[in-house]
Amino acid sequence: MDSQPEETTTVGVALPVPDPWGSDLQQARIRLGDVQARHIPTHITLLPPTAVPVPVVTRLRAHLDGVASGHQAFPVVLRGTGTFRPVSDVVFIQVARGVASCEVLERRVRSGPVERTVQFPYHPHVTVAHDLEESALDRAFEQLADFTCRFLADRIRLYAHNGDGVWRHDTEFVLGR
């Protein structure tokens, strides 16, 4: 008897960076030549892209609802640039305030139905250039070095894509309801 492979979807969970800063950083990323940026809302990752069986998504939504309701909104300050080079060709905006809350949320999100190990230790950040030429990475690092913004992180979002690389907003969960 032939068994069908279980259908999967790729999900990610993030803290959205609100406008106008989210749009500003997304546009900066596009100007630097990062073509993926058109399809990636500006965010702080809590769960990196993770393939899950489609039936698990319902359990994941319930899990995220519980995580969000048990965590209060918190202030975030984004300030200045950083990089993961030479390990990874990424330039990012640093989380200067809210790191501990991001770490707690990340641990809680990455449990339950999506428990998994990650390749690198968690470091909250906002990617502004990824897998670009060295000169573009250098420009991103320099041009956004003075960037700063403050906002209240009051929600987490579940995103999904079907293999086309376009991240679609699936469900939003308000923190500390």
Protein backbone atom coordinates (compact mmCIF):
# COMPACT_ATOMS: atom_id res chain seq x y z
CA MET A 1 0.00 0.00 0.00
CA ASP A 2 1.38 3.42 -0.99
CA SER A 3 1.40 6.05 1.70
CA GLN A 4 1.23 9.68 0.73
CA PRO A 5 3.93 11.91 2.20
CA GLU A 6 2.50 14.25 4.81
CA GLU A 7 1.91 17.73 3.42
CA THR A 8 3.98 20.41 5.15
CA THR A 9 4.03 24.17 5.26
CA THR A 10 6.83 26.49 6.33
CA VAL A 11 6.02 28.75 9.26
CA GLY A 12 7.81 31.49 11.15
CA VAL A 13 6.89 33.50 14.23
CA ALA A 14 7.99 37.09 14.77
CA LEU A 15 7.49 40.37 16.53
CA PRO A 16 6.49 42.83 13.80
CA VAL A 17 8.30 46.16 13.61
CA PRO A 18 5.47 48.71 13.26
CA ASP A 19 5.30 51.47 10.67
CA PRO A 20 6.74 53.84 9.86
CA TRP A 21 9.97 52.05 10.90
CA GLY A 22 9.02 48.66 9.47
CA SER A 23 8.31 50.12 6.04
CA ASP A 24 11.40 52.34 6.19
CA LEU A 25 13.67 49.39 6.96
CA GLN A 26 12.00 47.21 4.32
CA GLN A 27 12.53 49.94 1.70
CA ALA A 28 16.16 50.36 2.76
CA ARG A 29 16.64 46.61 2.36
CA ILE A 30 15.11 46.73 -1.13
CA ARG A 31 17.32 49.69 -2.13
CA LEU A 32 20.38 47.70 -1.07
CA GLY A 33 19.40 45.01 -3.59
CA ASP A 34 17.92 42.40 -1.27
CA VAL A 35 15.19 41.07 -3.56
CA GLN A 36 13.76 38.85 -0.79
CA ALA A 37 12.82 41.98 1.16
CA ARG A 38 9.69 42.59 -0.93
CA HIS A 39 8.22 39.40 0.55
CA ILE A 40 9.51 39.60 4.13
CA PRO A 41 7.79 41.97 6.56
CA THR A 42 10.25 43.73 8.89
CA HIS A 43 10.44 41.75 12.12
CA ILE A 44 12.34 40.32 15.05
CA THR A 45 12.37 36.54 14.61
CA LEU A 46 11.07 34.32 17.41
CA LEU A 47 10.89 31.09 15.38
CA PRO A 48 12.97 30.83 12.21
CA PRO A 49 11.50 29.22 9.09
CA THR A 50 10.33 25.79 10.19
CA ALA A 51 8.65 23.10 8.09
CA VAL A 52 5.71 21.57 9.94
CA PRO A 53 3.00 19.11 8.93
CA VAL A 54 -0.14 21.03 7.97
CA PRO A 55 -2.23 19.51 10.81
CA VAL A 56 0.32 20.86 13.35
CA VAL A 57 -0.49 24.47 12.37
CA THR A 58 -3.77 24.35 14.30
CA ARG A 59 -1.92 23.16 17.43
CA LEU A 60 0.72 25.82 16.83
CA ARG A 61 -1.93 28.57 16.76
CA ALA A 62 -3.31 27.35 20.11
CA HIS A 63 0.22 27.20 21.52
CA LEU A 64 1.02 30.74 20.35
CA ASP A 65 -2.26 32.01 21.80
CA GLY A 66 -1.19 30.65 25.20
CA VAL A 67 2.34 32.05 24.87
CA ALA A 68 1.04 35.50 23.93
CA SER A 69 -1.58 35.67 26.66
CA GLY A 70 1.05 34.80 29.26
CA HIS A 71 3.55 37.49 28.25
CA GLN A 72 3.04 41.22 28.74
CA ALA A 73 3.76 43.81 26.06
CA PHE A 74 7.21 45.36 26.43
CA PRO A 75 9.19 48.33 25.12
CA VAL A 76 11.69 47.76 22.34
CA VAL A 77 14.47 50.07 21.24
CA LEU A 78 16.23 49.34 17.95
CA ARG A 79 19.54 51.16 17.59
CA GLY A 80 22.54 50.91 15.30
CA THR A 81 23.84 48.11 13.14
CA GLY A 82 25.57 44.81 13.74
CA THR A 83 26.63 41.87 11.62
CA PHE A 84 27.05 38.12 11.81
CA ARG A 85 29.93 38.21 9.31
CA PRO A 86 32.07 36.20 8.70
CA VAL A 87 29.83 33.36 9.95
CA SER A 88 26.78 34.55 7.99
CA ASP A 89 26.37 37.33 5.43
CA VAL A 90 23.84 39.30 7.46
CA VAL A 91 23.71 42.93 8.56
CA PHE A 92 21.08 43.82 11.12
CA ILE A 93 19.65 46.54 13.34
CA GLN A 94 20.43 45.76 16.96
CA VAL A 95 17.81 45.30 19.66
CA ALA A 96 19.12 47.71 22.33
CA ARG A 97 16.18 47.29 24.72
CA GLY A 98 13.83 44.34 25.04
CA VAL A 99 16.44 41.60 24.55
CA ALA A 100 15.48 39.64 27.67
CA SER A 101 11.78 39.69 26.78
CA CYS A 102 12.59 38.55 23.24
CA GLU A 103 14.67 35.69 24.65
CA VAL A 104 11.85 34.56 26.94
CA LEU A 105 9.32 34.69 24.10
CA GLU A 106 11.65 32.82 21.76
CA ARG A 107 12.10 29.97 24.23
CA ARG A 108 8.36 29.73 24.84
CA VAL A 109 7.47 29.90 21.14
CA ARG A 110 10.10 27.29 20.21
CA SER A 111 8.51 24.64 22.39
CA GLY A 112 5.34 22.59 22.25
CA PRO A 113 4.37 21.62 18.71
CA VAL A 114 7.44 23.32 17.14
CA GLU A 115 10.13 22.27 19.58
CA ARG A 116 13.39 22.21 17.69
CA THR A 117 17.04 22.97 17.99
CA VAL A 118 18.45 25.94 16.15
CA GLN A 119 21.72 26.24 14.27
CA PHE A 120 22.95 29.31 16.19
CA PRO A 121 22.26 30.74 19.67
CA TYR A 122 19.29 33.11 19.65
CA HIS A 123 20.23 36.76 19.09
CA PRO A 124 17.25 39.09 18.60
CA HIS A 125 17.79 41.46 15.69
CA VAL A 126 16.16 42.98 12.59
CA THR A 127 17.80 41.82 9.36
CA VAL A 128 18.44 44.62 6.85
CA ALA A 129 20.77 42.84 4.40
CA HIS A 130 21.14 39.11 3.78
CA ASP A 131 23.33 37.15 1.33
CA LEU A 132 24.38 40.23 -0.63
CA GLU A 133 27.76 41.22 -2.05
CA GLU A 134 30.30 42.49 0.50
CA SER A 135 29.94 46.08 -0.78
CA ALA A 136 26.15 46.03 -0.23
CA LEU A 137 26.60 44.56 3.24
CA ASP A 138 29.14 47.29 4.03
CA ARG A 139 26.72 49.98 2.74
CA ALA A 140 23.90 48.60 4.89
CA PHE A 141 26.16 48.60 7.94
CA GLU A 142 27.25 52.20 7.34
CA GLN A 143 24.00 53.74 6.05
CA LEU A 144 21.84 52.42 8.89
CA ALA A 145 24.39 52.87 11.70
CA ASP A 146 22.46 55.85 13.11
CA PHE A 147 19.03 54.20 12.87
CA THR A 148 16.99 54.27 16.07
CA CYS A 149 13.36 53.76 16.97
CA ARG A 150 11.20 52.87 19.96
CA PHE A 151 7.94 50.95 19.99
CA LEU A 152 5.80 48.76 22.19
CA ALA A 153 6.03 45.08 21.24
CA ASP A 154 2.42 44.12 21.85
CA ARG A 155 1.81 41.25 19.43
CA ILE A 156 3.41 38.27 17.79
CA ARG A 157 2.59 37.03 14.31
CA LEU A 158 2.52 33.64 12.71
CA TYR A 159 3.65 33.76 9.09
CA ALA A 160 3.60 30.98 6.52
CA HIS A 161 4.77 30.38 2.97
CA ASN A 162 4.12 27.59 0.55
CA GLY A 163 7.63 27.32 -0.86
CA ASP A 164 7.51 30.49 -2.97
CA GLY A 165 9.39 32.56 -0.38
CA VAL A 166 6.48 35.00 0.06
CA TRP A 167 5.74 35.25 3.79
CA ARG A 168 2.01 35.64 4.40
CA HIS A 169 0.49 36.84 7.65
CA ASP A 170 -1.50 33.93 9.07
CA THR A 171 -2.56 34.87 12.61
CA GLU A 172 -1.77 37.64 15.09
CA PHE A 173 -1.67 37.13 18.85
CA VAL A 174 -1.90 40.06 21.26
CA LEU A 175 0.50 39.93 24.19
CA GLY A 176 -0.91 39.91 27.73
CA ARG A 177 -4.61 39.91 26.88
